[in-house]
Amino acid sequence: MSTVAEIEDATELLPRKEQEELFFFLVKKLRADGAKMPETKLYSSDQVEAWVAQDEADMQAFREGRET
């Protein structure tokens, strides 16, 4: 395998446990190479409630055959 796409395709074929092992291997390697992890994003409860309300409205529209 020589491309990211080939590796991604092969990863899809791995059992979940091996996918997790691969994930932790990559995180460990990136940290060893000095990569910084992204900062945690904080969302207000108002933002989360708005997203949930929109998701519920979209689901209702879907059930009724309407477009959103």
Protein backbone atom coordinates (compact mmCIF):
# COMPACT_ATOMS: atom_id res chain seq x y z
CA MET A 1 0.00 0.00 0.00
CA SER A 2 1.41 3.32 -0.98
CA THR A 3 -1.45 5.82 -0.79
CA VAL A 4 -3.67 7.06 1.99
CA ALA A 5 -6.71 5.92 0.00
CA GLU A 6 -5.35 2.35 -0.15
CA ILE A 7 -4.63 2.39 3.57
CA GLU A 8 -8.11 3.74 4.33
CA ASP A 9 -9.69 1.00 2.21
CA ALA A 10 -7.62 -1.67 3.97
CA THR A 11 -8.51 -0.21 7.37
CA GLU A 12 -12.20 -0.65 6.59
CA LEU A 13 -11.59 -4.40 6.34
CA LEU A 14 -9.99 -4.66 9.80
CA PRO A 15 -11.97 -5.85 12.80
CA ARG A 16 -12.94 -3.06 15.22
CA LYS A 17 -10.27 -4.06 17.77
CA GLU A 18 -7.52 -3.82 15.18
CA GLN A 19 -8.86 -0.45 13.97
CA GLU A 20 -8.56 0.79 17.55
CA GLU A 21 -5.01 -0.59 17.81
CA LEU A 22 -4.11 1.24 14.60
CA PHE A 23 -5.68 4.44 15.90
CA PHE A 24 -3.67 4.34 19.12
CA PHE A 25 -0.50 3.52 17.19
CA LEU A 26 -1.01 6.60 15.01
CA VAL A 27 -1.76 8.85 18.00
CA LYS A 28 1.36 7.60 19.77
CA LYS A 29 3.47 8.19 16.65
CA LEU A 30 2.08 11.68 16.09
CA ARG A 31 2.70 12.64 19.71
CA ALA A 32 6.26 11.29 19.52
CA ASP A 33 6.81 13.39 16.40
CA GLY A 34 5.67 16.48 18.31
CA ALA A 35 2.19 16.84 16.86
CA LYS A 36 -0.21 18.83 18.99
CA MET A 37 -3.69 17.56 19.59
CA PRO A 38 -6.54 19.89 18.62
CA GLU A 39 -7.97 21.94 21.44
CA THR A 40 -11.26 20.87 22.96
CA LYS A 41 -14.21 22.78 21.55
CA LEU A 42 -16.73 24.03 24.03
CA TYR A 43 -20.32 24.60 23.01
CA SER A 44 -22.97 26.39 25.00
CA SER A 45 -26.10 24.52 26.03
CA ASP A 46 -28.05 26.91 23.77
CA GLN A 47 -26.00 25.81 20.75
CA VAL A 48 -26.50 22.14 21.56
CA GLU A 49 -30.23 22.61 22.12
CA ALA A 50 -30.51 24.45 18.78
CA TRP A 51 -28.71 21.60 16.98
CA VAL A 52 -30.96 19.01 18.59
CA ALA A 53 -34.09 21.00 17.73
CA GLN A 54 -32.95 21.35 14.11
CA ASP A 55 -32.15 17.65 13.92
CA GLU A 56 -35.59 16.75 15.28
CA ALA A 57 -37.27 19.14 12.83
CA ASP A 58 -35.29 17.62 9.96
CA MET A 59 -36.30 14.11 11.04
CA GLN A 60 -39.95 15.11 11.21
CA ALA A 61 -39.72 16.65 7.73
CA PHE A 62 -38.05 13.46 6.47
CA ARG A 63 -40.83 11.30 7.93
CA GLU A 64 -43.41 13.51 6.26
CA GLY A 65 -41.57 13.45 2.93
CA ARG A 66 -40.74 17.14 3.01
CA GLU A 67 -37.40 18.69 2.13
CA THR A 68 -35.61 20.88 4.63
